[in-house]
């Protein structure tokens, strides 16, 4: 995957579009740090690509939550324990 500075979007946009067509993905950087990923889209595949990105972000978040529950030991809670936690939390809302 090719990395390009965000400045290139302003200074050399034509080169960026050519690189995107050739590479199929570009990582945009700011001060040497990645800030965005560019992928080519068309009117026909825009919704599919946005949906795929959202699904990937959801799955990453889900993995993080699962890993956190393993670290906390909450992955071993029984359904009864979960129900008790929910009931206790609801009491605090009243």
N, C-alpha and C. Protein backbone atom coordinates (compact mmCIF):
# COMPACT_ATOMS: atom_id res chain seq x y z
N UNK A 1 0.85 -1.16 0.00
CA UNK A 1 0.00 0.00 0.00
C UNK A 1 0.90 1.23 0.00
N UNK A 2 0.55 2.17 -0.83
CA UNK A 2 1.37 3.36 -0.96
C UNK A 2 0.91 4.45 0.01
N UNK A 3 1.87 5.11 0.64
CA UNK A 3 1.60 6.21 1.57
C UNK A 3 1.91 7.52 0.86
N UNK A 4 1.00 8.48 0.98
CA UNK A 4 1.23 9.80 0.39
C UNK A 4 0.88 10.87 1.41
N UNK A 5 1.65 11.96 1.42
CA UNK A 5 1.34 13.05 2.34
C UNK A 5 0.07 13.78 1.92
N UNK A 6 -0.70 14.26 2.89
CA UNK A 6 -1.94 14.97 2.58
C UNK A 6 -1.68 16.19 1.71
N UNK A 7 -0.52 16.75 1.81
CA UNK A 7 -0.14 17.91 1.00
C UNK A 7 -0.27 17.60 -0.49
N UNK A 8 0.02 16.35 -0.89
CA UNK A 8 -0.07 15.97 -2.30
C UNK A 8 -1.48 16.13 -2.86
N UNK A 9 -2.49 16.01 -2.01
CA UNK A 9 -3.87 16.19 -2.47
C UNK A 9 -4.08 17.61 -2.98
N UNK A 10 -3.42 18.56 -2.35
CA UNK A 10 -3.55 19.96 -2.75
C UNK A 10 -2.58 20.33 -3.87
N UNK A 11 -1.34 19.86 -3.73
CA UNK A 11 -0.28 20.29 -4.64
C UNK A 11 -0.26 19.49 -5.94
N UNK A 12 -0.49 18.18 -5.86
CA UNK A 12 -0.41 17.31 -7.04
C UNK A 12 -1.63 16.38 -7.14
N UNK A 13 -2.83 16.92 -7.22
CA UNK A 13 -4.01 16.05 -7.22
C UNK A 13 -4.03 15.08 -8.39
N UNK A 14 -3.55 15.49 -9.54
CA UNK A 14 -3.53 14.60 -10.71
C UNK A 14 -2.70 13.36 -10.46
N UNK A 15 -1.55 13.54 -9.82
CA UNK A 15 -0.69 12.40 -9.49
C UNK A 15 -1.38 11.48 -8.49
N UNK A 16 -2.09 12.07 -7.52
CA UNK A 16 -2.80 11.26 -6.53
C UNK A 16 -3.84 10.39 -7.23
N UNK A 17 -4.62 10.97 -8.16
CA UNK A 17 -5.66 10.19 -8.86
C UNK A 17 -5.02 9.08 -9.70
N UNK A 18 -3.90 9.36 -10.34
CA UNK A 18 -3.21 8.32 -11.11
C UNK A 18 -2.70 7.21 -10.19
N UNK A 19 -2.10 7.61 -9.07
CA UNK A 19 -1.60 6.61 -8.10
C UNK A 19 -2.75 5.76 -7.57
N UNK A 20 -3.89 6.40 -7.30
CA UNK A 20 -5.05 5.67 -6.77
C UNK A 20 -5.55 4.66 -7.79
N UNK A 21 -5.60 5.06 -9.06
CA UNK A 21 -6.05 4.13 -10.11
C UNK A 21 -5.09 2.95 -10.22
N UNK A 22 -3.80 3.21 -10.07
CA UNK A 22 -2.79 2.16 -10.20
C UNK A 22 -2.73 1.27 -8.95
N UNK A 23 -2.69 1.88 -7.76
CA UNK A 23 -2.47 1.15 -6.51
C UNK A 23 -3.76 0.54 -5.93
N UNK A 24 -4.91 1.12 -6.24
CA UNK A 24 -6.23 0.70 -5.74
C UNK A 24 -6.49 1.09 -4.28
N UNK A 25 -5.46 1.47 -3.54
CA UNK A 25 -5.60 1.97 -2.18
C UNK A 25 -4.43 2.89 -1.90
N UNK A 26 -4.71 3.99 -1.24
CA UNK A 26 -3.65 4.90 -0.81
C UNK A 26 -3.87 5.24 0.66
N UNK A 27 -2.78 5.34 1.40
CA UNK A 27 -2.85 5.80 2.78
C UNK A 27 -2.41 7.26 2.78
N UNK A 28 -3.28 8.11 3.29
CA UNK A 28 -2.97 9.53 3.37
C UNK A 28 -2.34 9.78 4.74
N UNK A 29 -1.23 10.51 4.75
CA UNK A 29 -0.54 10.79 6.00
C UNK A 29 -0.53 12.29 6.29
N UNK A 30 -0.43 12.60 7.57
CA UNK A 30 -0.26 13.98 8.01
C UNK A 30 0.85 13.95 9.05
N UNK A 31 1.90 14.69 8.78
CA UNK A 31 3.08 14.69 9.65
C UNK A 31 3.62 13.28 9.84
N UNK A 32 3.57 12.48 8.77
CA UNK A 32 4.12 11.13 8.79
C UNK A 32 3.23 10.07 9.42
N UNK A 33 2.06 10.47 9.92
CA UNK A 33 1.15 9.53 10.56
C UNK A 33 -0.06 9.26 9.65
N UNK A 34 -0.50 8.01 9.54
CA UNK A 34 -1.66 7.71 8.71
C UNK A 34 -2.92 8.35 9.28
N UNK A 35 -3.72 8.97 8.41
CA UNK A 35 -4.96 9.61 8.85
C UNK A 35 -6.17 9.15 8.05
N UNK A 36 -5.95 8.57 6.87
CA UNK A 36 -7.07 8.15 6.05
C UNK A 36 -6.60 7.13 5.01
N UNK A 37 -7.58 6.41 4.50
CA UNK A 37 -7.32 5.48 3.40
C UNK A 37 -8.23 5.89 2.25
N UNK A 38 -7.66 5.98 1.07
CA UNK A 38 -8.44 6.29 -0.12
C UNK A 38 -8.62 5.03 -0.94
N UNK A 39 -9.84 4.82 -1.41
CA UNK A 39 -10.13 3.73 -2.33
C UNK A 39 -10.98 4.29 -3.46
N UNK A 40 -10.77 3.81 -4.66
CA UNK A 40 -11.60 4.31 -5.76
C UNK A 40 -13.03 3.79 -5.64
N UNK A 41 -13.99 4.62 -6.01
CA UNK A 41 -15.39 4.21 -6.00
C UNK A 41 -16.06 4.68 -7.28
N UNK A 42 -17.16 4.04 -7.58
CA UNK A 42 -18.01 4.49 -8.69
C UNK A 42 -19.41 4.70 -8.12
N UNK A 43 -20.29 5.27 -8.92
CA UNK A 43 -21.66 5.43 -8.48
C UNK A 43 -22.31 4.09 -8.18
N UNK A 44 -21.88 3.06 -8.89
CA UNK A 44 -22.48 1.74 -8.72
C UNK A 44 -21.98 1.02 -7.46
N UNK A 45 -20.74 1.24 -7.06
CA UNK A 45 -20.21 0.47 -5.92
C UNK A 45 -19.99 1.30 -4.65
N UNK A 46 -20.37 2.55 -4.66
CA UNK A 46 -20.16 3.41 -3.50
C UNK A 46 -20.82 2.84 -2.24
N UNK A 47 -22.09 2.50 -2.32
CA UNK A 47 -22.80 2.00 -1.14
C UNK A 47 -22.21 0.69 -0.65
N UNK A 48 -21.82 -0.19 -1.58
CA UNK A 48 -21.21 -1.46 -1.18
C UNK A 48 -19.89 -1.23 -0.45
N UNK A 49 -19.08 -0.31 -0.95
CA UNK A 49 -17.79 -0.06 -0.32
C UNK A 49 -17.95 0.61 1.04
N UNK A 50 -18.90 1.54 1.16
CA UNK A 50 -19.14 2.18 2.45
C UNK A 50 -19.66 1.14 3.44
N UNK A 51 -20.55 0.26 3.00
CA UNK A 51 -21.08 -0.80 3.86
C UNK A 51 -19.94 -1.72 4.32
N UNK A 52 -19.03 -2.07 3.42
CA UNK A 52 -17.91 -2.94 3.77
C UNK A 52 -17.00 -2.28 4.81
N UNK A 53 -16.77 -1.00 4.67
CA UNK A 53 -15.95 -0.27 5.63
C UNK A 53 -16.63 -0.26 6.99
N UNK A 54 -17.93 0.01 7.01
CA UNK A 54 -18.66 0.03 8.28
C UNK A 54 -18.67 -1.34 8.94
N UNK A 55 -18.84 -2.39 8.15
CA UNK A 55 -18.82 -3.75 8.69
C UNK A 55 -17.45 -4.07 9.28
N UNK A 56 -16.39 -3.67 8.58
CA UNK A 56 -15.04 -3.92 9.08
C UNK A 56 -14.80 -3.17 10.39
N UNK A 57 -15.26 -1.92 10.47
CA UNK A 57 -15.11 -1.16 11.71
C UNK A 57 -15.91 -1.80 12.84
N UNK A 58 -17.11 -2.27 12.54
CA UNK A 58 -17.94 -2.94 13.55
C UNK A 58 -17.23 -4.19 14.07
N UNK A 59 -16.70 -5.00 13.16
CA UNK A 59 -16.04 -6.24 13.56
C UNK A 59 -14.80 -5.95 14.40
N UNK A 60 -14.06 -4.90 14.05
CA UNK A 60 -12.88 -4.52 14.84
C UNK A 60 -13.30 -4.10 16.25
N UNK A 61 -14.36 -3.32 16.34
CA UNK A 61 -14.86 -2.89 17.65
C UNK A 61 -15.35 -4.09 18.46
N UNK A 62 -16.04 -5.01 17.82
CA UNK A 62 -16.53 -6.20 18.50
C UNK A 62 -15.36 -7.03 19.05
N UNK A 63 -14.31 -7.20 18.25
CA UNK A 63 -13.12 -7.93 18.71
C UNK A 63 -12.50 -7.25 19.93
N UNK A 64 -12.43 -5.92 19.90
CA UNK A 64 -11.87 -5.18 21.02
C UNK A 64 -12.70 -5.40 22.29
N UNK A 65 -14.02 -5.38 22.15
CA UNK A 65 -14.90 -5.61 23.29
C UNK A 65 -14.71 -7.03 23.83
N UNK A 66 -14.62 -7.99 22.93
CA UNK A 66 -14.42 -9.37 23.35
C UNK A 66 -13.07 -9.54 24.06
N UNK A 67 -12.04 -8.94 23.53
CA UNK A 67 -10.72 -9.03 24.16
C UNK A 67 -10.73 -8.38 25.54
N UNK A 68 -11.44 -7.26 25.68
CA UNK A 68 -11.55 -6.58 26.97
C UNK A 68 -12.29 -7.47 27.97
N UNK A 69 -13.33 -8.16 27.51
CA UNK A 69 -14.07 -9.03 28.43
C UNK A 69 -13.20 -10.21 28.89
N UNK A 70 -12.32 -10.69 28.02
CA UNK A 70 -11.40 -11.77 28.42
C UNK A 70 -10.42 -11.23 29.46
N UNK A 71 -9.89 -10.03 29.23
CA UNK A 71 -8.95 -9.43 30.20
C UNK A 71 -9.61 -9.21 31.55
N UNK A 72 -10.89 -8.81 31.53
CA UNK A 72 -11.61 -8.53 32.77
C UNK A 72 -12.21 -9.78 33.41
N UNK A 73 -12.21 -10.87 32.68
CA UNK A 73 -12.80 -12.09 33.19
C UNK A 73 -14.32 -12.13 33.06
N UNK A 74 -14.89 -11.12 32.45
CA UNK A 74 -16.35 -11.09 32.30
C UNK A 74 -16.85 -12.01 31.19
N UNK A 75 -15.93 -12.59 30.45
CA UNK A 75 -16.33 -13.53 29.40
C UNK A 75 -16.85 -14.84 29.99
N UNK A 76 -16.64 -15.04 31.27
CA UNK A 76 -17.04 -16.28 31.92
C UNK A 76 -18.34 -16.14 32.73
N UNK A 77 -18.97 -14.95 32.67
CA UNK A 77 -20.22 -14.75 33.40
C UNK A 77 -21.33 -15.65 32.86
N UNK A 78 -22.13 -16.16 33.76
CA UNK A 78 -23.30 -16.95 33.35
C UNK A 78 -24.43 -15.99 32.98
N UNK A 79 -25.45 -16.50 32.34
CA UNK A 79 -26.60 -15.66 31.98
C UNK A 79 -27.27 -15.12 33.24
N UNK A 80 -27.33 -15.92 34.28
CA UNK A 80 -27.93 -15.46 35.55
C UNK A 80 -27.13 -14.30 36.13
N UNK A 81 -25.80 -14.38 36.05
CA UNK A 81 -24.95 -13.29 36.55
C UNK A 81 -25.13 -12.02 35.72
N UNK A 82 -25.27 -12.20 34.43
CA UNK A 82 -25.48 -11.05 33.54
C UNK A 82 -26.82 -10.40 33.86
N UNK A 83 -27.86 -11.21 34.02
CA UNK A 83 -29.18 -10.68 34.36
C UNK A 83 -29.15 -9.93 35.68
N UNK A 84 -28.40 -10.45 36.66
CA UNK A 84 -28.28 -9.79 37.96
C UNK A 84 -27.58 -8.44 37.82
N UNK A 85 -26.53 -8.39 36.99
CA UNK A 85 -25.82 -7.13 36.76
C UNK A 85 -26.75 -6.10 36.11
N UNK A 86 -27.54 -6.54 35.15
CA UNK A 86 -28.47 -5.64 34.46
C UNK A 86 -29.52 -5.12 35.46
N UNK A 87 -30.07 -6.02 36.27
CA UNK A 87 -31.07 -5.61 37.26
C UNK A 87 -30.49 -4.59 38.24
N UNK A 88 -29.25 -4.80 38.66
CA UNK A 88 -28.59 -3.87 39.58
C UNK A 88 -28.37 -2.52 38.93
N UNK A 89 -27.97 -2.53 37.68
CA UNK A 89 -27.75 -1.27 36.97
C UNK A 89 -29.06 -0.51 36.79
N UNK A 90 -30.14 -1.23 36.53
CA UNK A 90 -31.45 -0.58 36.36
C UNK A 90 -31.91 0.07 37.65
N UNK A 91 -31.59 -0.54 38.78
CA UNK A 91 -31.95 0.05 40.07
C UNK A 91 -31.30 1.42 40.22
N UNK A 92 -30.08 1.52 39.77
CA UNK A 92 -29.35 2.79 39.88
C UNK A 92 -29.91 3.87 39.00
N UNK A 93 -30.68 3.52 37.99
CA UNK A 93 -31.27 4.51 37.08
C UNK A 93 -32.56 5.11 37.62
N UNK A 94 -33.15 4.46 38.57
CA UNK A 94 -34.45 4.93 39.09
C UNK A 94 -34.29 6.04 40.07
